[in-house]
Amino acid sequence: MSHSSGRSGRSSHVLILATLACGFVMAMIDVTAVNVALSDIARDLAIPLAGLVWVVDGYTLTFAALLLAGGALADRYGPKAVYQGGLAVFLLGSVLCGATPGGGFLTAARLLQGAGAALFMPSSLSLLTHSFEDEQVRTRMLGMWSALVGVAGASGPLIGGMLVHQFGWRSVFWVNVPLGLLAIVMAQLVLVAPPRQPRDLSLLSHALGVAALAGISCVLIEGPVLGWLSPLVMAAAALALLSGTLLLRRERQGSHPLLPRALFHSSSFGAANGVGFLINFSVFGQLFLLSLFLQKAGGADALQSGLQLLPMMAAYTVGNFLAGGIAARHGTRLPMLAGLLTASAMALVLMGLRPATPYALLALGTGIMNLAIGIAIPAMTATVMRVAGKQHANSAAAALNANRQVGALVGVALVGTILHMFPGWAVRLPLAYATMALAYGLAACLVYRHVRLPRVQAA
């Protein structure tokens, strides 16, 4: 009887995990798979380079800007309802992406996808926490969750390449339809709705954040195309500056800030968030760069580029798995420093890349850099959560994720600027990797100066 009960319990645990991971994995694959479809999208819809940057960054823009709002809505209306609602919005965005008649429509649909992901991602983690009351079981499920997310991120380019090769680029979006419908139905059948926790939404603050990020995106993406002093770009810069200033003022003086002010009492919190921004700045900027480089300069199709990106992306996952043991022995500060310095050094080496460079050298150098960053990321996350403590864990996690998505947005936009301003890959590659080396070096400086957790606490 007890054996049957234990097996039934394990089955229910796996079912809950599969239900909650379905949305997260779908969104992760979508982010990375779209990159290998960019060349096909550009050719089919006649989208210029700036349009491709909007296709990638449109998703990241609403995702980053609305993540904190998604967490607040999950508290206010219940994580189960918001999780299912977010999946429905993401599903609608995917249908519109798959049926898009042109580039502008595709960008708008990607904005909708990002809004849906911002709703269901914070609530999925909340549901995971509430679904497993036993701490040991919850820890094991979180470990499996992290592994699934890592595998999804690493395999995204390959899955995208296979879909584009067999069914065309629109299949990258259509595949979300059965997955999204399955996740919504399973959530209704499997998940128990936790109680609501009434919370102020700070709608004006969220709107200011959206406006600031939209302005920054417009400046970085349209500046090289229209001219940095064109009326649209100048207006976008003014919008970003004004919105950002008003948001900072509200956060300092308002009675309901988006983030608890207690989080900023430790410089480690701000430094680790800065590290998160700079890591995603480089990681997603590099993915955008290499996806286009392998196809435009290397002549690879979507499937070939997906296969070529797979070992480079898998290096992140390998680093993630190694990180736990390293942090247990040395704390979180050392793996962050070592990982970031190694990545910065490898980015300097990769400045020597040219279109004629053998793929093996590109894969080796990029793999070492990504392995080092894969070790640094869990240590960075652990630092943020340690500083936050249980009381502010949700807010700290949401802030870190939002900062990382903003970093991805800026990284892709800046790489797009480099690609637009410099026509030859012999110039583009060194400039892009010099930017990444600078970003990783700056992140290492933040850790060295501000992250001072005791070894025992960090581990």
Protein backbone atom coordinates (compact mmCIF):
# COMPACT_ATOMS: atom_id res chain seq x y z
CA MET A 1 0.00 0.00 0.00
CA SER A 2 2.74 2.43 0.98
CA HIS A 3 4.77 1.45 -2.09
CA SER A 4 1.79 2.20 -4.35
CA SER A 5 1.16 5.48 -2.50
CA GLY A 6 4.80 6.53 -2.90
CA ARG A 7 4.76 5.73 -6.61
CA SER A 8 1.50 7.69 -7.00
CA GLY A 9 3.06 10.63 -5.16
CA ARG A 10 6.08 10.61 -7.42
CA SER A 11 3.83 10.48 -10.48
CA SER A 12 1.84 13.48 -9.27
CA HIS A 13 5.09 15.38 -8.61
CA VAL A 14 6.29 14.72 -12.15
CA LEU A 15 2.89 15.73 -13.56
CA ILE A 16 2.91 19.03 -11.66
CA LEU A 17 6.49 19.72 -12.75
CA ALA A 18 5.65 18.93 -16.39
CA THR A 19 2.61 21.22 -16.25
CA LEU A 20 4.59 24.16 -14.90
CA ALA A 21 7.68 23.57 -17.01
CA CYS A 22 5.63 23.39 -20.21
CA GLY A 23 5.10 27.15 -20.42
CA PHE A 24 8.62 28.06 -19.32
CA VAL A 25 10.28 25.61 -21.70
CA MET A 26 8.02 26.74 -24.57
CA ALA A 27 9.06 30.36 -24.04
CA MET A 28 12.77 29.47 -23.67
CA ILE A 29 12.80 27.49 -26.90
CA ASP A 30 10.89 30.26 -28.68
CA VAL A 31 13.48 32.88 -27.67
CA THR A 32 16.46 30.92 -28.97
CA ALA A 33 14.74 29.19 -31.92
CA VAL A 34 13.66 32.47 -33.48
CA ASN A 35 17.32 33.49 -33.86
CA VAL A 36 18.09 30.70 -36.33
CA ALA A 37 14.94 31.56 -38.32
CA LEU A 38 15.94 35.21 -38.80
CA SER A 39 17.52 34.81 -42.23
CA ASP A 40 14.47 32.95 -43.56
CA ILE A 41 12.12 35.53 -42.02
CA ALA A 42 14.10 38.39 -43.57
CA ARG A 43 14.08 36.76 -47.02
CA ASP A 44 10.39 35.81 -46.96
CA LEU A 45 9.01 39.08 -45.54
CA ALA A 46 11.68 41.41 -46.98
CA ILE A 47 12.60 42.69 -43.49
CA PRO A 48 15.77 44.82 -43.17
CA LEU A 49 18.33 44.35 -40.37
CA ALA A 50 16.64 46.90 -38.08
CA GLY A 51 13.37 45.00 -38.53
CA LEU A 52 15.05 41.76 -37.47
CA VAL A 53 16.33 43.46 -34.31
CA TRP A 54 12.76 44.54 -33.54
CA VAL A 55 11.54 40.95 -34.07
CA VAL A 56 13.98 39.75 -31.38
CA ASP A 57 13.79 42.78 -29.06
CA GLY A 58 10.02 43.29 -29.36
CA TYR A 59 9.53 40.12 -27.34
CA THR A 60 12.21 41.05 -24.82
CA LEU A 61 10.86 44.60 -24.44
CA THR A 62 7.43 43.67 -23.08
CA PHE A 63 8.82 40.66 -21.25
CA ALA A 64 11.36 42.74 -19.34
CA ALA A 65 9.05 45.71 -18.75
CA LEU A 66 6.11 43.66 -17.45
CA LEU A 67 7.87 41.00 -15.35
CA LEU A 68 7.40 42.91 -12.09
CA ALA A 69 3.77 43.60 -13.02
CA GLY A 70 3.32 39.87 -13.68
CA GLY A 71 4.51 39.06 -10.16
CA ALA A 72 2.19 41.68 -8.62
CA LEU A 73 -0.79 40.39 -10.64
CA ALA A 74 -0.04 36.82 -9.52
CA ASP A 75 -0.20 37.97 -5.89
CA ARG A 76 -3.38 39.98 -6.43
CA TYR A 77 -5.43 37.61 -8.59
CA GLY A 78 -3.81 34.28 -7.77
CA PRO A 79 -0.87 32.61 -9.56
CA LYS A 80 -2.97 29.88 -11.20
CA ALA A 81 -5.32 32.31 -12.94
CA VAL A 82 -2.45 34.55 -14.04
CA TYR A 83 -0.42 31.53 -15.24
CA GLN A 84 -3.28 30.35 -17.45
CA GLY A 85 -4.03 33.89 -18.62
CA GLY A 86 -0.38 34.44 -19.54
CA LEU A 87 -0.30 31.18 -21.50
CA ALA A 88 -3.44 32.28 -23.39
CA VAL A 89 -1.86 35.65 -24.29
CA PHE A 90 1.38 33.93 -25.38
CA LEU A 91 -0.66 31.45 -27.43
CA LEU A 92 -2.54 34.27 -29.19
CA GLY A 93 0.74 36.04 -29.91
CA SER A 94 2.18 32.82 -31.37
CA VAL A 95 -0.85 32.37 -33.68
CA LEU A 96 -0.49 35.95 -34.91
CA CYS A 97 3.27 35.45 -35.45
CA GLY A 98 2.61 32.30 -37.49
CA ALA A 99 -0.03 34.05 -39.62
CA THR A 100 1.81 37.36 -40.00
CA PRO A 101 1.58 39.10 -43.40
CA GLY A 102 4.58 41.40 -42.81
CA GLY A 103 7.39 42.63 -40.56
CA GLY A 104 5.45 45.28 -38.63
CA PHE A 105 2.68 42.81 -37.81
CA LEU A 106 5.27 40.24 -36.70
CA THR A 107 6.89 42.73 -34.33
CA ALA A 108 3.50 43.60 -32.80
CA ALA A 109 2.74 39.91 -32.31
CA ARG A 110 6.14 39.42 -30.67
CA LEU A 111 5.28 42.24 -28.25
CA LEU A 112 2.14 40.27 -27.34
CA GLN A 113 4.16 37.09 -26.85
CA GLY A 114 6.49 38.92 -24.46
CA ALA A 115 3.55 40.24 -22.43
CA GLY A 116 2.19 36.70 -22.08
CA ALA A 117 5.56 35.35 -20.96
CA ALA A 118 5.86 38.15 -18.38
CA LEU A 119 2.56 36.97 -16.90
CA PHE A 120 3.14 33.23 -16.73
CA MET A 121 6.83 33.01 -15.82
CA PRO A 122 6.69 34.60 -12.30
CA SER A 123 3.45 32.78 -11.48
CA SER A 124 4.91 29.42 -12.60
CA LEU A 125 7.69 29.69 -10.01
CA SER A 126 5.18 30.71 -7.35
CA LEU A 127 2.99 27.71 -8.20
CA LEU A 128 6.01 25.41 -8.07
CA THR A 129 6.84 26.66 -4.56
CA HIS A 130 3.25 26.25 -3.34
CA SER A 131 2.80 22.80 -4.93
CA PHE A 132 5.57 21.13 -2.90
CA GLU A 133 5.36 21.78 0.84
CA ASP A 134 8.13 19.35 1.78
CA GLU A 135 11.42 21.25 1.53
CA GLN A 136 13.44 18.27 0.27
CA VAL A 137 10.89 17.50 -2.45
CA ARG A 138 10.72 21.17 -3.43
CA THR A 139 14.51 21.38 -3.67
CA ARG A 140 14.61 18.29 -5.87
CA MET A 141 11.83 19.65 -8.10
CA LEU A 142 13.63 22.99 -8.42
CA GLY A 143 16.77 21.12 -9.48
CA MET A 144 14.82 19.23 -12.14
CA TRP A 145 13.21 22.52 -13.19
CA SER A 146 16.61 24.16 -13.65
CA ALA A 147 17.84 21.20 -15.68
CA LEU A 148 14.78 21.37 -17.97
CA VAL A 149 15.24 25.09 -18.50
CA GLY A 150 18.94 24.61 -19.27
CA VAL A 151 18.27 21.82 -21.77
CA ALA A 152 15.50 23.88 -23.40
CA GLY A 153 17.75 26.91 -23.78
CA ALA A 154 20.62 24.83 -25.20
CA SER A 155 18.46 22.86 -27.64
CA GLY A 156 16.40 25.86 -28.83
CA PRO A 157 18.56 26.67 -31.88
CA LEU A 158 18.64 23.01 -32.96
CA ILE A 159 14.88 22.58 -32.53
CA GLY A 160 14.31 25.84 -34.39
CA GLY A 161 16.66 24.76 -37.17
CA MET A 162 14.88 21.42 -37.58
CA LEU A 163 11.46 23.08 -37.69
CA VAL A 164 12.56 25.72 -40.21
CA HIS A 165 14.29 23.08 -42.37
CA GLN A 166 11.27 20.76 -42.45
CA PHE A 167 8.26 23.06 -42.25
CA GLY A 168 9.42 26.67 -42.79
CA TRP A 169 10.04 29.50 -40.32
CA ARG A 170 6.36 29.93 -39.39
CA SER A 171 6.42 26.50 -37.71
CA VAL A 172 8.65 27.98 -34.97
CA PHE A 173 5.52 29.83 -33.82
CA TRP A 174 2.83 27.30 -34.78
CA VAL A 175 4.44 24.61 -32.61
CA ASN A 176 3.48 26.71 -29.57
CA VAL A 177 -0.24 26.17 -30.24
CA PRO A 178 -0.55 22.51 -29.14
CA LEU A 179 1.99 23.04 -26.35
CA GLY A 180 0.16 26.11 -25.03
CA LEU A 181 -3.27 24.47 -25.17
CA LEU A 182 -1.91 21.39 -23.39
CA ALA A 183 -0.36 23.55 -20.66
CA ILE A 184 -3.61 25.48 -20.06
CA VAL A 185 -5.69 22.28 -19.81
CA MET A 186 -3.15 20.50 -17.58
CA ALA A 187 -2.97 23.54 -15.29
CA GLN A 188 -6.73 23.43 -14.85
CA LEU A 189 -6.72 19.71 -14.05
CA VAL A 190 -3.52 19.34 -12.02
CA LEU A 191 -2.75 22.57 -10.15
CA VAL A 192 -4.31 23.75 -6.91
CA ALA A 193 -4.93 27.51 -6.75
CA PRO A 194 -2.98 29.12 -3.85
CA PRO A 195 -4.69 31.94 -1.91
CA ARG A 196 -4.48 35.49 -3.23
CA GLN A 197 -2.28 38.09 -1.55
CA PRO A 198 -3.68 41.61 -2.14
CA ARG A 199 -0.92 43.91 -3.35
CA ASP A 200 -0.65 47.40 -4.83
CA LEU A 201 0.02 47.29 -8.59
CA SER A 202 1.76 50.68 -8.99
CA LEU A 203 0.38 50.99 -12.53
CA LEU A 204 2.05 54.34 -13.19
CA SER A 205 5.48 52.96 -12.25
CA HIS A 206 5.05 49.98 -14.58
CA ALA A 207 3.91 52.30 -17.39
CA LEU A 208 6.98 54.49 -16.87
CA GLY A 209 9.21 51.42 -17.04
CA VAL A 210 7.62 50.33 -20.33
CA ALA A 211 8.02 53.84 -21.78
CA ALA A 212 11.68 54.08 -20.73
CA LEU A 213 12.59 50.71 -22.24
CA ALA A 214 10.63 51.44 -25.42
CA GLY A 215 12.51 54.73 -25.80
CA ILE A 216 15.90 53.08 -25.28
CA SER A 217 15.03 50.34 -27.78
CA CYS A 218 13.96 52.85 -30.42
CA VAL A 219 17.14 54.89 -29.99
CA LEU A 220 19.46 51.89 -30.29
CA ILE A 221 17.62 50.19 -33.15
CA GLU A 222 16.52 53.14 -35.28
CA GLY A 223 19.48 55.46 -34.57
CA PRO A 224 21.86 53.82 -37.08
CA VAL A 225 19.07 53.67 -39.70
CA LEU A 226 17.40 57.10 -39.43
CA GLY A 227 20.34 59.01 -37.98
CA TRP A 228 21.08 59.73 -34.34
CA LEU A 229 19.72 63.30 -34.62
CA SER A 230 16.54 62.41 -36.52
CA PRO A 231 13.26 63.66 -34.95
CA LEU A 232 12.01 60.15 -34.08
CA VAL A 233 15.26 59.10 -32.41
CA MET A 234 15.53 62.39 -30.49
CA ALA A 235 11.92 62.04 -29.31
CA ALA A 236 12.58 58.45 -28.21
CA ALA A 237 15.68 59.58 -26.29
CA ALA A 238 13.66 62.30 -24.56
CA LEU A 239 10.92 59.77 -23.70
CA ALA A 240 13.47 57.36 -22.22
CA LEU A 241 15.17 60.08 -20.18
CA LEU A 242 11.95 61.60 -18.87
CA SER A 243 10.30 58.26 -18.06
CA GLY A 244 13.43 56.90 -16.39
CA THR A 245 13.83 60.04 -14.26
CA LEU A 246 10.20 59.99 -13.14
CA LEU A 247 10.42 56.26 -12.34
CA LEU A 248 13.52 56.73 -10.18
CA ARG A 249 11.85 59.59 -8.34
CA ARG A 250 8.74 57.50 -7.65
CA GLU A 251 10.86 54.59 -6.45
CA ARG A 252 12.74 56.82 -4.01
CA GLN A 253 9.81 58.87 -2.71
CA GLY A 254 6.63 56.85 -3.40
CA SER A 255 4.78 54.94 -0.69
CA HIS A 256 4.51 51.78 -2.85
CA PRO A 257 7.83 51.23 -4.69
CA LEU A 258 8.15 48.38 -7.18
CA LEU A 259 10.99 46.94 -5.10
CA PRO A 260 11.35 46.99 -1.29
CA ARG A 261 13.90 49.66 -0.36
CA ALA A 262 15.47 47.26 2.15
CA LEU A 263 16.97 45.34 -0.78
CA PHE A 264 19.26 48.25 -1.59
CA HIS A 265 20.78 48.46 1.91
CA SER A 266 23.42 45.99 0.70
CA SER A 267 25.62 46.93 -2.25
CA SER A 268 25.82 43.21 -3.09
CA PHE A 269 22.21 43.27 -4.34
CA GLY A 270 22.77 46.11 -6.79
CA ALA A 271 26.11 44.68 -7.91
CA ALA A 272 24.71 41.20 -8.56
CA ASN A 273 21.83 42.71 -10.55
CA GLY A 274 24.37 44.68 -12.57
CA VAL A 275 26.23 41.44 -13.22
CA GLY A 276 22.97 39.85 -14.41
CA PHE A 277 22.37 42.75 -16.81
CA LEU A 278 25.90 42.53 -18.25
CA ILE A 279 25.83 38.73 -18.59
CA ASN A 280 22.59 38.72 -20.58
CA PHE A 281 23.81 41.73 -22.55
CA SER A 282 26.69 39.58 -23.82
CA VAL A 283 24.95 36.19 -24.00
CA PHE A 284 22.00 37.29 -26.13
CA GLY A 285 24.03 39.77 -28.13
CA GLN A 286 26.40 36.92 -29.03
CA LEU A 287 23.52 34.57 -29.93
CA PHE A 288 22.06 37.18 -32.29
CA LEU A 289 25.51 37.83 -33.77
CA LEU A 290 26.45 34.19 -34.34
CA SER A 291 23.03 33.21 -35.71
CA LEU A 292 23.42 35.76 -38.51
CA PHE A 293 27.17 35.20 -38.95
CA LEU A 294 26.87 31.43 -39.46
CA GLN A 295 24.18 31.90 -42.11
CA LYS A 296 25.26 35.12 -43.83
CA ALA A 297 29.04 34.65 -43.78
CA GLY A 298 29.28 30.88 -43.34
CA GLY A 299 26.54 29.93 -45.80
CA ALA A 300 24.76 27.64 -43.32
CA ASP A 301 21.01 27.08 -43.51
CA ALA A 302 18.76 27.13 -40.43
CA LEU A 303 19.32 23.45 -39.59
CA GLN A 304 23.10 23.65 -40.04
CA SER A 305 23.36 26.78 -37.91
CA GLY A 306 21.23 25.13 -35.22
CA LEU A 307 23.60 22.16 -35.18
CA GLN A 308 26.64 24.45 -35.09
CA LEU A 309 25.20 26.49 -32.19
CA LEU A 310 24.24 23.41 -30.15
CA PRO A 311 27.67 22.67 -28.54
CA MET A 312 28.19 26.37 -27.78
CA MET A 313 24.79 26.62 -26.08
CA ALA A 314 25.23 23.29 -24.27
CA ALA A 315 28.35 24.72 -22.59
CA TYR A 316 26.06 26.96 -20.47
CA THR A 317 24.20 23.91 -19.18
CA VAL A 318 27.43 22.05 -18.37
CA GLY A 319 28.61 25.10 -16.43
CA ASN A 320 25.31 25.24 -14.52
CA PHE A 321 25.73 21.63 -13.39
CA LEU A 322 29.33 22.24 -12.28
CA ALA A 323 28.44 25.44 -10.41
CA GLY A 324 26.83 23.79 -7.38
CA GLY A 325 29.89 21.78 -6.41
CA ILE A 326 32.24 24.71 -6.96
CA ALA A 327 30.11 27.06 -4.83
CA ALA A 328 29.86 24.44 -2.08
CA ARG A 329 33.66 24.38 -1.80
CA HIS A 330 34.57 28.00 -2.53
CA GLY A 331 31.45 30.13 -1.94
CA THR A 332 29.76 32.25 -4.61
CA ARG A 333 32.26 35.10 -5.00
CA LEU A 334 35.12 33.03 -6.46
CA PRO A 335 33.10 31.25 -9.21
CA MET A 336 31.58 34.59 -10.23
CA LEU A 337 34.98 36.28 -10.43
CA ALA A 338 36.73 33.37 -12.14
CA GLY A 339 33.88 32.81 -14.59
CA LEU A 340 33.59 36.47 -15.59
CA LEU A 341 37.36 37.00 -15.94
CA THR A 342 37.70 33.84 -18.03
CA ALA A 343 34.80 34.93 -20.25
CA SER A 344 36.32 38.40 -20.67
CA ALA A 345 39.69 36.90 -21.63
CA MET A 346 38.08 34.52 -24.14
CA ALA A 347 36.08 37.38 -25.69
CA LEU A 348 39.40 39.19 -26.25
CA VAL A 349 40.76 36.07 -27.96
CA LEU A 350 37.62 35.81 -30.11
CA MET A 351 38.24 39.34 -31.38
CA GLY A 352 40.61 37.58 -33.76
CA LEU A 353 37.72 35.78 -35.50
CA ARG A 354 37.37 36.29 -39.24
CA PRO A 355 34.95 34.83 -41.80
CA ALA A 356 37.67 32.33 -42.83
CA THR A 357 38.28 31.11 -39.25
CA PRO A 358 37.57 27.33 -38.99
CA TYR A 359 34.35 26.45 -37.21
CA ALA A 360 36.22 24.26 -34.70
CA LEU A 361 38.15 27.27 -33.36
CA LEU A 362 34.96 29.36 -33.11
CA ALA A 363 33.15 26.55 -31.28
CA LEU A 364 36.09 25.93 -28.91
CA GLY A 365 36.57 29.58 -27.94
CA THR A 366 32.85 30.27 -27.59
CA GLY A 367 32.33 27.02 -25.68
CA ILE A 368 35.01 27.92 -23.09
CA MET A 369 33.51 31.39 -22.67
CA ASN A 370 29.98 30.03 -22.27
CA LEU A 371 31.12 27.32 -19.84
CA ALA A 372 32.67 30.00 -17.62
CA ILE A 373 29.48 32.06 -17.70
CA GLY A 374 27.40 28.95 -16.99
CA ILE A 375 29.39 28.58 -13.76
CA ALA A 376 28.99 32.26 -12.83
CA ILE A 377 25.20 32.53 -13.33
CA PRO A 378 24.01 30.27 -10.45
CA ALA A 379 26.49 31.98 -8.09
CA MET A 380 25.07 35.36 -9.12
CA THR A 381 21.50 34.15 -8.49
CA ALA A 382 22.45 32.67 -5.11
CA THR A 383 24.04 36.00 -4.10
CA VAL A 384 20.85 37.94 -4.91
CA MET A 385 18.61 35.48 -3.05
CA ARG A 386 20.95 35.38 -0.04
CA VAL A 387 20.90 39.16 0.31
CA ALA A 388 17.11 39.26 -0.12
CA GLY A 389 16.28 36.59 2.44
CA LYS A 390 12.89 34.87 2.61
CA GLN A 391 11.00 38.11 3.23
CA HIS A 392 11.95 39.70 -0.10
CA ALA A 393 12.75 36.57 -2.15
CA ASN A 394 9.94 37.05 -4.71
CA SER A 395 10.72 40.73 -5.31
CA ALA A 396 14.45 40.06 -5.60
CA ALA A 397 13.93 37.20 -8.09
CA ALA A 398 11.59 39.35 -10.19
CA ALA A 399 14.09 42.25 -10.16
CA LEU A 400 16.97 40.00 -11.22
CA ASN A 401 14.97 38.46 -14.06
CA ALA A 402 13.80 41.89 -15.24
CA ASN A 403 17.35 43.26 -15.19
CA ARG A 404 18.63 40.28 -17.14
CA GLN A 405 15.95 40.71 -19.79
CA VAL A 406 16.77 44.42 -20.11
CA GLY A 407 20.40 43.37 -20.59
CA ALA A 408 19.34 40.99 -23.38
CA LEU A 409 17.31 43.75 -25.04
CA VAL A 410 20.20 46.24 -24.99
CA GLY A 411 22.74 43.61 -26.06
CA VAL A 412 20.79 42.58 -29.16
CA ALA A 413 20.08 46.22 -30.04
CA LEU A 414 23.75 47.20 -29.70
CA VAL A 415 24.94 44.25 -31.79
CA GLY A 416 22.34 45.26 -34.37
CA THR A 417 23.83 48.76 -34.36
CA ILE A 418 27.33 47.35 -34.97
CA LEU A 419 26.07 45.16 -37.82
CA HIS A 420 24.29 48.11 -39.42
CA MET A 421 27.13 50.63 -39.14
CA PHE A 422 29.97 48.33 -40.29
CA PRO A 423 29.38 46.33 -43.49
CA GLY A 424 32.19 43.73 -43.27
CA TRP A 425 32.33 40.77 -40.88
CA ALA A 426 36.08 41.31 -40.48
CA VAL A 427 35.20 44.53 -38.62
CA ARG A 428 31.88 43.48 -37.09
CA LEU A 429 33.23 40.45 -35.20
CA PRO A 430 36.14 42.20 -33.42
CA LEU A 431 33.92 45.14 -32.42
CA ALA A 432 31.15 42.90 -31.09
CA TYR A 433 33.53 40.70 -29.08
CA ALA A 434 35.38 43.75 -27.76
CA THR A 435 32.04 44.97 -26.40
CA MET A 436 31.44 41.59 -24.75
CA ALA A 437 34.94 41.56 -23.24
CA LEU A 438 34.30 45.01 -21.77
CA ALA A 439 30.92 43.94 -20.37
CA TYR A 440 32.29 40.79 -18.70
CA GLY A 441 35.28 42.76 -17.36
CA LEU A 442 32.97 45.39 -15.88
CA ALA A 443 30.87 42.65 -14.29
CA ALA A 444 34.01 41.16 -12.71
CA CYS A 445 34.87 44.59 -11.29
CA LEU A 446 31.40 44.83 -9.71
CA VAL A 447 31.89 41.46 -8.03
CA TYR A 448 35.39 42.34 -6.84
CA ARG A 449 34.31 45.67 -5.37
CA HIS A 450 30.89 44.93 -3.91
CA VAL A 451 30.19 41.22 -3.40
CA ARG A 452 31.58 40.40 0.04
CA LEU A 453 29.57 37.45 1.34
CA PRO A 454 31.25 35.18 3.92
CA ARG A 455 32.29 31.85 2.46
CA VAL A 456 30.02 29.72 4.67
CA GLN A 457 26.95 31.90 4.03
CA ALA A 458 27.60 32.00 0.30
CA ALA A 459 27.92 28.25 0.04
